[in-house]
Amino acid sequence: MNRNWMILFMLLLFLIEGAWLPFFIPDEWKVRIIPQFVFIIVLYHAVYKHRHTALLMGLGFGLLQDIVYYGQMLGPHTFSMGFLGYFIGLLFTTRNTSMVTMMVIAVMGSFAYQSIVFGIYALFSVQHLTFKYALMEYMLPSLMIQLLFALIVYVPMRKWFDSSPVSNTAEEEEV
């Protein structure tokens, strides 16, 4: 039942980041903010639960983002979110990660996510921006929002994952 609540929570975040949050960002700001709250939860899943679950959630919600919010191409968000969820889970196998480490993971993961999506869009000529312009225009301001969100949800996520048992696979027991 715990997994179902997590998926419902992530669906709610998906709706908030794409439907409600753009109305709260003032038009006068010269920068563009792209919230990625679902990706932050995928990173929490990768670090505190299991990398395979983070991979599946990243693939599922990345595909939803590709279809619903970013219709230029199918795949960049799916690949980025799934790959980074699995990769971060592979790097951080201990479940006792501190808050500071988790915030560094959130910032570096979000930066890698945005860079991979930027690279894929640039490779297939979907966008014609320089990396420097994209970095200053929307990557760094979005990183600040992701960091703030990661700080806000750290304690609830940590309690949520500490209350649910971690499932070990045969692969992890051998290592």
N, C-alpha and C. Protein backbone atom coordinates (compact mmCIF):
# COMPACT_ATOMS: atom_id res chain seq x y z
N MET A 1 0.82 -1.20 0.00
CA MET A 1 0.00 0.00 0.00
C MET A 1 0.86 1.26 0.00
N ASN A 2 2.06 1.15 0.58
CA ASN A 2 2.95 2.31 0.67
C ASN A 2 3.37 2.79 -0.71
N ARG A 3 3.61 1.87 -1.64
CA ARG A 3 4.01 2.24 -2.99
C ARG A 3 2.88 2.98 -3.70
N ASN A 4 1.63 2.56 -3.48
CA ASN A 4 0.50 3.22 -4.10
C ASN A 4 0.38 4.67 -3.62
N TRP A 5 0.60 4.90 -2.34
CA TRP A 5 0.55 6.27 -1.82
C TRP A 5 1.68 7.12 -2.41
N MET A 6 2.84 6.51 -2.60
CA MET A 6 3.96 7.24 -3.18
C MET A 6 3.65 7.63 -4.63
N ILE A 7 3.06 6.73 -5.39
CA ILE A 7 2.71 7.04 -6.77
C ILE A 7 1.64 8.13 -6.82
N LEU A 8 0.66 8.07 -5.94
CA LEU A 8 -0.35 9.14 -5.88
C LEU A 8 0.28 10.48 -5.51
N PHE A 9 1.21 10.45 -4.57
CA PHE A 9 1.91 11.68 -4.19
C PHE A 9 2.71 12.25 -5.37
N MET A 10 3.37 11.37 -6.11
CA MET A 10 4.15 11.82 -7.26
C MET A 10 3.24 12.34 -8.38
N LEU A 11 2.08 11.73 -8.56
CA LEU A 11 1.11 12.24 -9.54
C LEU A 11 0.62 13.64 -9.14
N LEU A 12 0.40 13.84 -7.86
CA LEU A 12 0.01 15.17 -7.37
C LEU A 12 1.12 16.18 -7.63
N LEU A 13 2.37 15.81 -7.35
CA LEU A 13 3.50 16.70 -7.65
C LEU A 13 3.62 16.98 -9.14
N PHE A 14 3.36 15.96 -9.95
CA PHE A 14 3.39 16.12 -11.41
C PHE A 14 2.38 17.17 -11.85
N LEU A 15 1.20 17.13 -11.28
CA LEU A 15 0.17 18.12 -11.62
C LEU A 15 0.54 19.50 -11.09
N ILE A 16 1.10 19.56 -9.90
CA ILE A 16 1.47 20.85 -9.32
C ILE A 16 2.57 21.52 -10.12
N GLU A 17 3.59 20.76 -10.51
CA GLU A 17 4.73 21.37 -11.21
C GLU A 17 4.39 21.81 -12.62
N GLY A 18 3.39 21.25 -13.23
CA GLY A 18 3.08 21.63 -14.59
C GLY A 18 1.83 22.46 -14.76
N ALA A 19 0.88 22.31 -13.85
CA ALA A 19 -0.39 23.00 -14.03
C ALA A 19 -0.56 24.19 -13.09
N TRP A 20 -0.14 24.05 -11.85
CA TRP A 20 -0.40 25.12 -10.88
C TRP A 20 0.78 26.05 -10.69
N LEU A 21 1.97 25.52 -10.61
CA LEU A 21 3.14 26.35 -10.30
C LEU A 21 3.44 27.45 -11.31
N PRO A 22 3.23 27.24 -12.60
CA PRO A 22 3.49 28.35 -13.54
C PRO A 22 2.66 29.61 -13.27
N PHE A 23 1.50 29.45 -12.64
CA PHE A 23 0.68 30.62 -12.31
C PHE A 23 1.24 31.42 -11.15
N PHE A 24 2.09 30.82 -10.33
CA PHE A 24 2.66 31.50 -9.17
C PHE A 24 3.99 32.17 -9.47
N ILE A 25 4.58 31.90 -10.62
CA ILE A 25 5.85 32.52 -10.99
C ILE A 25 5.54 33.83 -11.72
N PRO A 26 6.03 34.95 -11.20
CA PRO A 26 5.71 36.25 -11.83
C PRO A 26 6.26 36.36 -13.25
N ASP A 27 5.50 37.01 -14.11
CA ASP A 27 5.93 37.22 -15.49
C ASP A 27 7.06 38.23 -15.59
N GLU A 28 7.23 39.07 -14.58
CA GLU A 28 8.25 40.10 -14.60
C GLU A 28 9.66 39.55 -14.42
N TRP A 29 9.78 38.34 -13.90
CA TRP A 29 11.09 37.74 -13.72
C TRP A 29 11.71 37.51 -15.08
N LYS A 30 12.97 37.84 -15.20
CA LYS A 30 13.67 37.71 -16.47
C LYS A 30 14.13 36.27 -16.74
N VAL A 31 14.05 35.42 -15.72
CA VAL A 31 14.50 34.04 -15.86
C VAL A 31 13.29 33.11 -15.98
N ARG A 32 13.55 31.93 -16.48
CA ARG A 32 12.50 30.91 -16.62
C ARG A 32 12.79 29.81 -15.60
N ILE A 33 11.79 29.46 -14.82
CA ILE A 33 11.96 28.43 -13.80
C ILE A 33 11.20 27.18 -14.24
N ILE A 34 11.90 26.06 -14.23
CA ILE A 34 11.31 24.79 -14.60
C ILE A 34 11.38 23.88 -13.37
N PRO A 35 10.28 23.74 -12.63
CA PRO A 35 10.31 22.87 -11.45
C PRO A 35 10.35 21.40 -11.85
N GLN A 36 11.12 20.62 -11.11
CA GLN A 36 11.23 19.18 -11.36
C GLN A 36 11.09 18.43 -10.04
N PHE A 37 9.93 18.60 -9.41
CA PHE A 37 9.69 18.02 -8.10
C PHE A 37 9.62 16.49 -8.16
N VAL A 38 9.05 15.96 -9.20
CA VAL A 38 8.95 14.50 -9.34
C VAL A 38 10.35 13.89 -9.43
N PHE A 39 11.24 14.56 -10.14
CA PHE A 39 12.61 14.04 -10.25
C PHE A 39 13.31 14.02 -8.89
N ILE A 40 13.06 15.03 -8.07
CA ILE A 40 13.65 15.03 -6.72
C ILE A 40 13.15 13.83 -5.92
N ILE A 41 11.88 13.49 -6.05
CA ILE A 41 11.34 12.31 -5.35
C ILE A 41 11.95 11.03 -5.92
N VAL A 42 12.20 10.99 -7.22
CA VAL A 42 12.89 9.83 -7.82
C VAL A 42 14.28 9.70 -7.22
N LEU A 43 14.97 10.82 -7.02
CA LEU A 43 16.30 10.76 -6.39
C LEU A 43 16.22 10.27 -4.95
N TYR A 44 15.22 10.73 -4.21
CA TYR A 44 15.03 10.21 -2.84
C TYR A 44 14.78 8.71 -2.88
N HIS A 45 13.99 8.27 -3.84
CA HIS A 45 13.73 6.84 -3.99
C HIS A 45 15.02 6.09 -4.28
N ALA A 46 15.87 6.65 -5.13
CA ALA A 46 17.12 5.99 -5.50
C ALA A 46 18.05 5.86 -4.30
N VAL A 47 18.10 6.88 -3.46
CA VAL A 47 19.03 6.88 -2.35
C VAL A 47 18.49 6.09 -1.16
N TYR A 48 17.23 6.28 -0.81
CA TYR A 48 16.70 5.70 0.43
C TYR A 48 15.89 4.43 0.25
N LYS A 49 15.51 4.08 -0.98
CA LYS A 49 14.71 2.88 -1.16
C LYS A 49 15.46 1.86 -2.02
N HIS A 50 15.35 1.98 -3.34
CA HIS A 50 15.97 1.01 -4.22
C HIS A 50 16.14 1.59 -5.62
N ARG A 51 17.25 1.28 -6.25
CA ARG A 51 17.54 1.87 -7.55
C ARG A 51 16.63 1.36 -8.66
N HIS A 52 16.18 0.12 -8.57
CA HIS A 52 15.30 -0.41 -9.60
C HIS A 52 13.92 0.26 -9.55
N THR A 53 13.44 0.53 -8.36
CA THR A 53 12.18 1.25 -8.22
C THR A 53 12.33 2.67 -8.74
N ALA A 54 13.47 3.30 -8.46
CA ALA A 54 13.72 4.65 -8.97
C ALA A 54 13.80 4.64 -10.50
N LEU A 55 14.39 3.61 -11.06
CA LEU A 55 14.45 3.48 -12.52
C LEU A 55 13.05 3.41 -13.11
N LEU A 56 12.21 2.55 -12.56
CA LEU A 56 10.86 2.40 -13.09
C LEU A 56 10.02 3.66 -12.91
N MET A 57 10.14 4.29 -11.75
CA MET A 57 9.39 5.54 -11.53
C MET A 57 9.92 6.65 -12.43
N GLY A 58 11.23 6.70 -12.62
CA GLY A 58 11.81 7.69 -13.51
C GLY A 58 11.37 7.49 -14.94
N LEU A 59 11.34 6.24 -15.39
CA LEU A 59 10.88 5.97 -16.75
C LEU A 59 9.41 6.33 -16.93
N GLY A 60 8.59 5.96 -15.95
CA GLY A 60 7.16 6.23 -16.04
C GLY A 60 6.83 7.70 -16.00
N PHE A 61 7.36 8.41 -15.02
CA PHE A 61 7.05 9.83 -14.91
C PHE A 61 7.80 10.66 -15.95
N GLY A 62 8.94 10.21 -16.40
CA GLY A 62 9.63 10.89 -17.49
C GLY A 62 8.84 10.80 -18.78
N LEU A 63 8.25 9.62 -19.03
CA LEU A 63 7.41 9.46 -20.21
C LEU A 63 6.17 10.35 -20.11
N LEU A 64 5.60 10.43 -18.92
CA LEU A 64 4.46 11.33 -18.72
C LEU A 64 4.85 12.78 -19.02
N GLN A 65 6.02 13.19 -18.56
CA GLN A 65 6.47 14.56 -18.84
C GLN A 65 6.70 14.76 -20.33
N ASP A 66 7.28 13.79 -20.99
CA ASP A 66 7.50 13.90 -22.44
C ASP A 66 6.17 14.05 -23.18
N ILE A 67 5.18 13.30 -22.78
CA ILE A 67 3.90 13.32 -23.48
C ILE A 67 3.09 14.56 -23.14
N VAL A 68 2.98 14.88 -21.86
CA VAL A 68 2.07 15.94 -21.43
C VAL A 68 2.68 17.33 -21.56
N TYR A 69 3.90 17.53 -21.07
CA TYR A 69 4.44 18.89 -20.98
C TYR A 69 5.41 19.25 -22.09
N TYR A 70 6.20 18.31 -22.55
CA TYR A 70 7.23 18.60 -23.54
C TYR A 70 7.00 17.73 -24.76
N GLY A 71 6.19 18.19 -25.69
CA GLY A 71 5.78 17.36 -26.81
C GLY A 71 6.69 17.38 -28.01
N GLN A 72 7.85 18.06 -27.95
CA GLN A 72 8.72 18.12 -29.12
C GLN A 72 9.27 16.75 -29.47
N MET A 73 9.68 16.00 -28.47
CA MET A 73 10.27 14.68 -28.69
C MET A 73 9.83 13.76 -27.56
N LEU A 74 9.69 12.49 -27.89
CA LEU A 74 9.46 11.50 -26.86
C LEU A 74 10.79 10.87 -26.49
N GLY A 75 11.13 10.88 -25.23
CA GLY A 75 12.32 10.19 -24.80
C GLY A 75 13.34 10.94 -23.98
N PRO A 76 13.58 12.24 -24.18
CA PRO A 76 14.65 12.87 -23.42
C PRO A 76 14.41 12.85 -21.90
N HIS A 77 13.21 13.16 -21.48
CA HIS A 77 12.93 13.17 -20.05
C HIS A 77 12.81 11.74 -19.51
N THR A 78 12.27 10.85 -20.33
CA THR A 78 12.18 9.45 -19.93
C THR A 78 13.57 8.87 -19.69
N PHE A 79 14.46 9.06 -20.64
CA PHE A 79 15.82 8.56 -20.53
C PHE A 79 16.55 9.20 -19.35
N SER A 80 16.49 10.52 -19.26
CA SER A 80 17.24 11.25 -18.24
C SER A 80 16.79 10.87 -16.84
N MET A 81 15.49 10.87 -16.62
CA MET A 81 14.98 10.58 -15.29
C MET A 81 15.23 9.13 -14.90
N GLY A 82 15.02 8.20 -15.82
CA GLY A 82 15.26 6.80 -15.52
C GLY A 82 16.73 6.49 -15.31
N PHE A 83 17.58 6.99 -16.21
CA PHE A 83 19.01 6.75 -16.11
C PHE A 83 19.59 7.32 -14.82
N LEU A 84 19.26 8.58 -14.51
CA LEU A 84 19.83 9.21 -13.31
C LEU A 84 19.28 8.60 -12.04
N GLY A 85 18.01 8.18 -12.04
CA GLY A 85 17.47 7.48 -10.88
C GLY A 85 18.24 6.20 -10.59
N TYR A 86 18.52 5.43 -11.64
CA TYR A 86 19.27 4.19 -11.47
C TYR A 86 20.73 4.48 -11.11
N PHE A 87 21.35 5.43 -11.79
CA PHE A 87 22.77 5.73 -11.58
C PHE A 87 23.02 6.26 -10.16
N ILE A 88 22.18 7.16 -9.68
CA ILE A 88 22.34 7.68 -8.32
C ILE A 88 22.13 6.56 -7.31
N GLY A 89 21.16 5.69 -7.55
CA GLY A 89 20.96 4.54 -6.67
C GLY A 89 22.14 3.58 -6.68
N LEU A 90 22.81 3.48 -7.81
CA LEU A 90 23.98 2.62 -7.92
C LEU A 90 25.17 3.23 -7.17
N LEU A 91 25.31 4.55 -7.24
CA LEU A 91 26.42 5.22 -6.56
C LEU A 91 26.27 5.25 -5.04
N PHE A 92 25.06 5.46 -4.58
CA PHE A 92 24.81 5.60 -3.14
C PHE A 92 24.02 4.41 -2.65
N THR A 93 24.74 3.34 -2.29
CA THR A 93 24.08 2.12 -1.86
C THR A 93 23.74 2.13 -0.38
N THR A 94 24.34 3.01 0.40
CA THR A 94 24.02 3.08 1.82
C THR A 94 22.73 3.86 2.02
N ARG A 95 21.93 3.45 2.97
CA ARG A 95 20.65 4.10 3.23
C ARG A 95 20.78 5.16 4.32
N ASN A 96 21.97 5.38 4.84
CA ASN A 96 22.18 6.35 5.92
C ASN A 96 22.83 7.62 5.38
N THR A 97 22.31 8.15 4.30
CA THR A 97 22.85 9.36 3.70
C THR A 97 22.38 10.57 4.49
N SER A 98 23.29 11.48 4.79
CA SER A 98 22.94 12.66 5.58
C SER A 98 22.18 13.68 4.74
N MET A 99 21.65 14.69 5.41
CA MET A 99 20.88 15.72 4.73
C MET A 99 21.76 16.52 3.77
N VAL A 100 22.97 16.84 4.19
CA VAL A 100 23.87 17.61 3.33
C VAL A 100 24.21 16.82 2.07
N THR A 101 24.50 15.55 2.24
CA THR A 101 24.80 14.71 1.09
C THR A 101 23.60 14.60 0.16
N MET A 102 22.40 14.49 0.74
CA MET A 102 21.20 14.40 -0.09
C MET A 102 20.96 15.70 -0.85
N MET A 103 21.28 16.83 -0.26
CA MET A 103 21.11 18.11 -0.96
C MET A 103 22.12 18.23 -2.11
N VAL A 104 23.33 17.75 -1.90
CA VAL A 104 24.33 17.73 -2.98
C VAL A 104 23.87 16.80 -4.10
N ILE A 105 23.31 15.66 -3.73
CA ILE A 105 22.78 14.73 -4.73
C ILE A 105 21.65 15.38 -5.51
N ALA A 106 20.76 16.10 -4.81
CA ALA A 106 19.63 16.75 -5.48
C ALA A 106 20.11 17.81 -6.46
N VAL A 107 21.09 18.63 -6.06
CA VAL A 107 21.58 19.69 -6.95
C VAL A 107 22.35 19.09 -8.12
N MET A 108 23.25 18.17 -7.85
CA MET A 108 24.03 17.58 -8.94
C MET A 108 23.15 16.73 -9.87
N GLY A 109 22.20 16.01 -9.30
CA GLY A 109 21.28 15.23 -10.12
C GLY A 109 20.41 16.11 -10.99
N SER A 110 19.90 17.21 -10.43
CA SER A 110 19.08 18.13 -11.22
C SER A 110 19.90 18.79 -12.32
N PHE A 111 21.13 19.15 -12.01
CA PHE A 111 21.99 19.74 -13.03
C PHE A 111 22.27 18.73 -14.14
N ALA A 112 22.56 17.49 -13.77
CA ALA A 112 22.81 16.46 -14.78
C ALA A 112 21.56 16.21 -15.61
N TYR A 113 20.41 16.20 -14.97
CA TYR A 113 19.14 15.99 -15.67
C TYR A 113 18.91 17.08 -16.71
N GLN A 114 19.07 18.34 -16.29
CA GLN A 114 18.86 19.45 -17.21
C GLN A 114 19.91 19.46 -18.32
N SER A 115 21.13 19.09 -17.99
CA SER A 115 22.19 19.07 -19.00
C SER A 115 21.96 17.97 -20.03
N ILE A 116 21.52 16.81 -19.59
CA ILE A 116 21.25 15.71 -20.52
C ILE A 116 20.10 16.09 -21.45
N VAL A 117 19.02 16.65 -20.89
CA VAL A 117 17.89 17.05 -21.72
C VAL A 117 18.32 18.15 -22.70
N PHE A 118 19.12 19.11 -22.22
CA PHE A 118 19.63 20.16 -23.11
C PHE A 118 20.47 19.55 -24.23
N GLY A 119 21.34 18.61 -23.89
CA GLY A 119 22.19 17.98 -24.88
C GLY A 119 21.40 17.20 -25.92
N ILE A 120 20.37 16.50 -25.50
CA ILE A 120 19.55 15.74 -26.45
C ILE A 120 18.80 16.70 -27.37
N TYR A 121 18.23 17.75 -26.79
CA TYR A 121 17.52 18.73 -27.62
C TYR A 121 18.48 19.43 -28.59
N ALA A 122 19.67 19.74 -28.14
CA ALA A 122 20.65 20.38 -29.03
C ALA A 122 21.12 19.42 -30.11
N LEU A 123 21.30 18.16 -29.77
CA LEU A 123 21.74 17.15 -30.73
C LEU A 123 20.76 17.00 -31.89
N PHE A 124 19.48 17.02 -31.56
CA PHE A 124 18.46 16.85 -32.59
C PHE A 124 17.88 18.17 -33.08
N SER A 125 18.55 19.27 -32.76
CA SER A 125 18.19 20.63 -33.23
C SER A 125 16.76 21.02 -32.86
N VAL A 126 16.31 20.61 -31.69
CA VAL A 126 14.99 21.03 -31.22
C VAL A 126 15.07 22.45 -30.66
N GLN A 127 16.19 22.78 -30.04
CA GLN A 127 16.40 24.14 -29.54
C GLN A 127 17.74 24.65 -30.05
N HIS A 128 17.83 25.95 -30.17
CA HIS A 128 19.04 26.57 -30.71
C HIS A 128 19.59 27.58 -29.71
N LEU A 129 19.82 27.15 -28.49
CA LEU A 129 20.38 28.00 -27.44
C LEU A 129 21.82 27.57 -27.18
N THR A 130 22.61 28.51 -26.71
CA THR A 130 23.95 28.14 -26.25
C THR A 130 23.83 27.60 -24.82
N PHE A 131 24.79 26.78 -24.43
CA PHE A 131 24.74 26.22 -23.08
C PHE A 131 24.86 27.32 -22.03
N LYS A 132 25.69 28.32 -22.30
CA LYS A 132 25.86 29.42 -21.34
C LYS A 132 24.54 30.16 -21.13
N TYR A 133 23.82 30.43 -22.21
CA TYR A 133 22.54 31.12 -22.09
C TYR A 133 21.54 30.26 -21.33
N ALA A 134 21.47 28.96 -21.65
CA ALA A 134 20.54 28.06 -20.96
C ALA A 134 20.89 27.94 -19.48
N LEU A 135 22.17 27.91 -19.18
CA LEU A 135 22.61 27.81 -17.80
C LEU A 135 22.16 29.01 -16.98
N MET A 136 22.35 30.19 -17.54
CA MET A 136 21.99 31.41 -16.81
C MET A 136 20.48 31.69 -16.85
N GLU A 137 19.82 31.30 -17.93
CA GLU A 137 18.41 31.64 -18.13
C GLU A 137 17.46 30.74 -17.34
N TYR A 138 17.71 29.43 -17.36
CA TYR A 138 16.76 28.57 -16.67
C TYR A 138 17.38 27.45 -15.83
N MET A 139 18.61 27.05 -16.07
CA MET A 139 19.17 25.94 -15.30
C MET A 139 19.47 26.34 -13.85
N LEU A 140 20.24 27.41 -13.65
CA LEU A 140 20.58 27.82 -12.28
C LEU A 140 19.37 28.26 -11.47
N PRO A 141 18.45 29.07 -12.02
CA PRO A 141 17.26 29.40 -11.22
C PRO A 141 16.42 28.17 -10.88
N SER A 142 16.34 27.23 -11.80
CA SER A 142 15.59 26.01 -11.52
C SER A 142 16.28 25.16 -10.46
N LEU A 143 17.62 25.15 -10.47
CA LEU A 143 18.36 24.41 -9.44
C LEU A 143 18.05 24.94 -8.04
N MET A 144 17.88 26.24 -7.92
CA MET A 144 17.56 26.82 -6.62
C MET A 144 16.18 26.36 -6.14
N ILE A 145 15.23 26.28 -7.05
CA ILE A 145 13.88 25.81 -6.70
C ILE A 145 13.93 24.32 -6.32
N GLN A 146 14.70 23.53 -7.07
CA GLN A 146 14.84 22.11 -6.74
C GLN A 146 15.49 21.92 -5.36
N LEU A 147 16.51 22.73 -5.07
CA LEU A 147 17.17 22.64 -3.77
C LEU A 147 16.22 23.01 -2.64
N LEU A 148 15.45 24.06 -2.83
CA LEU A 148 14.47 24.47 -1.82
C LEU A 148 13.44 23.37 -1.60
N PHE A 149 12.94 22.78 -2.68
CA PHE A 149 11.97 21.70 -2.55
C PHE A 149 12.59 20.48 -1.86
N ALA A 150 13.83 20.15 -2.22
CA ALA A 150 14.50 19.00 -1.59
C ALA A 150 14.68 19.22 -0.10
N LEU A 151 14.96 20.46 0.30
CA LEU A 151 15.07 20.78 1.73
C LEU A 151 13.72 20.66 2.44
N ILE A 152 12.67 21.12 1.79
CA ILE A 152 11.34 21.09 2.41
C ILE A 152 10.86 19.66 2.62
N VAL A 153 11.09 18.79 1.65
CA VAL A 153 10.55 17.43 1.74
C VAL A 153 11.54 16.43 2.35
N TYR A 154 12.70 16.88 2.79
CA TYR A 154 13.70 15.93 3.30
C TYR A 154 13.18 15.13 4.49
N VAL A 155 12.69 15.81 5.50
CA VAL A 155 12.24 15.11 6.71
C VAL A 155 11.04 14.21 6.43
N PRO A 156 9.99 14.68 5.74
CA PRO A 156 8.88 13.76 5.45
C PRO A 156 9.29 12.55 4.60
N MET A 157 10.15 12.77 3.61
CA MET A 157 10.59 11.65 2.77
C MET A 157 11.44 10.66 3.57
N ARG A 158 12.30 11.19 4.39
CA ARG A 158 13.16 10.32 5.20
C ARG A 158 12.32 9.47 6.15
N LYS A 159 11.32 10.08 6.77
CA LYS A 159 10.44 9.32 7.66
C LYS A 159 9.63 8.30 6.88
N TRP A 160 9.18 8.69 5.69
CA TRP A 160 8.38 7.79 4.87
C TRP A 160 9.21 6.56 4.48
N PHE A 161 10.44 6.78 4.05
CA PHE A 161 11.26 5.66 3.62
C PHE A 161 11.80 4.85 4.80
N ASP A 162 12.00 5.49 5.95
CA ASP A 162 12.46 4.74 7.13
C ASP A 162 11.35 3.85 7.68
N SER A 163 10.09 4.24 7.48
CA SER A 163 8.98 3.44 8.00
C SER A 163 8.68 2.23 7.13
N SER A 164 9.09 2.27 5.85
CA SER A 164 8.82 1.14 4.97
C SER A 164 10.07 0.26 4.88
N PRO A 165 9.87 -1.06 4.85
CA PRO A 165 11.04 -1.95 4.77
C PRO A 165 11.69 -1.88 3.40
N VAL A 166 13.01 -2.05 3.39
CA VAL A 166 13.78 -2.07 2.15
C VAL A 166 13.82 -3.49 1.64
N SER A 167 13.46 -3.68 0.39
CA SER A 167 13.48 -5.03 -0.19
C SER A 167 14.84 -5.26 -0.83
N ASN A 168 15.51 -6.31 -0.41
CA ASN A 168 16.81 -6.66 -0.97
C ASN A 168 16.64 -7.69 -2.04
N THR A 169 17.35 -7.53 -3.11
CA THR A 169 17.32 -8.52 -4.17
C THR A 169 18.50 -9.47 -3.98
N ALA A 170 18.50 -10.55 -4.71
CA ALA A 170 19.60 -11.52 -4.62
C ALA A 170 20.90 -10.89 -5.07
N GLU A 171 20.82 -9.94 -6.01
CA GLU A 171 22.02 -9.28 -6.50
C GLU A 171 22.71 -8.49 -5.39
N GLU A 172 21.93 -7.79 -4.56
CA GLU A 172 22.52 -7.00 -3.48
C GLU A 172 23.04 -7.85 -2.35
N GLU A 173 22.39 -9.01 -2.10
CA GLU A 173 22.84 -9.88 -1.02
C GLU A 173 24.18 -10.52 -1.33
N GLU A 174 24.48 -10.74 -2.61
CA GLU A 174 25.76 -11.33 -3.00
C GLU A 174 26.90 -10.35 -2.82
N VAL A 175 26.65 -9.06 -2.98
CA VAL A 175 27.70 -8.05 -2.91
C VAL A 175 28.01 -7.72 -1.52
